[in-house]
Amino acid sequence: MLKINDLNPTNGGRVDGISPASGWVYGVYNAAGALVCQGVIYAVDYTAPLVTAPAAVEFWCDDISAVYNNDSKLEDGNRQILCR
């Protein structure tokens, strides 16, 4: 049996989420419940986030220094620019 000490250690060998930088400890147990071996497992997600803009927004500002803590909508002719 495989047990992983992750976000939900009660579900055995299923990895639940991204691990901390130090990883999660796992153990392999025999039928009698004795620990056979153990180690550290790392779970990472390299998938890029998906950003979907509303249809009315044509451009997303990413100049943090100009829009830091300033939610605003800029009008430029027929375009709307959403800054977050």
Protein backbone atom coordinates (compact mmCIF):
# COMPACT_ATOMS: atom_id res chain seq x y z
CA MET A 1 0.00 0.00 0.00
CA LEU A 2 1.19 3.51 -0.83
CA LYS A 3 0.41 6.47 1.46
CA ILE A 4 1.30 10.07 0.65
CA ASN A 5 1.28 12.75 3.34
CA ASP A 6 -0.26 15.45 1.11
CA LEU A 7 -3.39 17.64 1.29
CA ASN A 8 -5.53 14.54 1.96
CA PRO A 9 -3.38 11.75 3.42
CA THR A 10 -6.44 9.52 3.98
CA ASN A 11 -6.87 8.69 0.26
CA GLY A 12 -3.71 6.60 -0.03
CA GLY A 13 -1.59 6.96 -3.17
CA ARG A 14 -3.45 9.82 -4.84
CA VAL A 15 -1.50 13.09 -5.09
CA ASP A 16 -3.73 16.01 -4.11
CA GLY A 17 -2.42 19.27 -5.53
CA ILE A 18 0.97 20.86 -5.91
CA SER A 19 3.51 20.00 -3.24
CA PRO A 20 5.40 22.54 -1.15
CA ALA A 21 9.01 23.18 -2.13
CA SER A 22 10.13 20.57 0.40
CA GLY A 23 7.87 17.93 -1.21
CA TRP A 24 5.59 15.40 0.47
CA VAL A 25 6.73 12.32 2.33
CA TYR A 26 5.38 9.01 1.06
CA GLY A 27 5.59 5.50 2.44
CA VAL A 28 5.17 2.03 0.99
CA TYR A 29 3.64 -0.47 3.43
CA ASN A 30 3.32 -4.26 3.22
CA ALA A 31 0.09 -6.21 3.84
CA ALA A 32 0.83 -6.35 7.58
CA GLY A 33 1.08 -2.54 7.71
CA ALA A 34 4.85 -2.40 8.20
CA LEU A 35 6.77 0.37 6.46
CA VAL A 36 8.87 -1.09 3.62
CA CYS A 37 10.39 2.14 2.28
CA GLN A 38 9.79 5.86 2.25
CA GLY A 39 10.86 8.94 0.33
CA VAL A 40 9.88 12.40 -0.85
CA ILE A 41 7.64 13.10 -3.83
CA TYR A 42 7.37 16.45 -5.62
CA ALA A 43 4.23 17.45 -7.52
CA VAL A 44 4.56 20.48 -9.80
CA ASP A 45 2.38 22.07 -12.47
CA TYR A 46 4.15 23.57 -15.48
CA THR A 47 0.92 24.32 -17.35
CA ALA A 48 0.66 28.00 -18.25
CA PRO A 49 -2.42 29.78 -16.89
CA LEU A 50 -5.24 30.41 -19.33
CA VAL A 51 -6.53 34.00 -19.40
CA THR A 52 -9.81 34.65 -21.15
CA ALA A 53 -10.65 38.32 -21.71
CA PRO A 54 -14.25 39.48 -21.98
CA ALA A 55 -15.36 40.12 -25.59
CA ALA A 56 -15.39 43.91 -25.11
CA VAL A 57 -11.71 44.02 -24.06
CA GLU A 58 -9.15 44.09 -26.85
CA PHE A 59 -5.97 44.61 -24.86
CA TRP A 60 -4.78 43.65 -21.36
CA CYS A 61 -2.34 45.95 -19.55
CA ASP A 62 0.49 44.20 -17.76
CA ASP A 63 2.53 47.27 -16.84
CA ILE A 64 2.28 46.71 -13.09
CA SER A 65 4.02 49.94 -12.11
CA ALA A 66 1.41 52.01 -13.98
CA VAL A 67 -1.69 50.17 -12.76
CA TYR A 68 -0.70 48.77 -9.36
CA ASN A 69 -3.80 48.64 -7.10
CA ASN A 70 -5.72 50.72 -9.63
CA ASP A 71 -8.63 48.86 -11.26
CA SER A 72 -9.69 51.01 -14.18
CA LYS A 73 -11.08 50.90 -17.68
CA LEU A 74 -9.55 53.18 -20.29
CA GLU A 75 -11.43 54.33 -23.37
CA ASP A 76 -9.45 54.82 -26.56
CA GLY A 77 -11.78 55.54 -29.46
CA ASN A 78 -13.64 52.30 -30.14
CA ARG A 79 -11.35 50.20 -27.93
CA GLN A 80 -11.61 49.45 -24.24
CA ILE A 81 -8.42 48.69 -22.33
CA LEU A 82 -8.85 46.83 -19.06
CA CYS A 83 -6.08 47.40 -16.52
CA ARG A 84 -5.76 45.30 -13.39
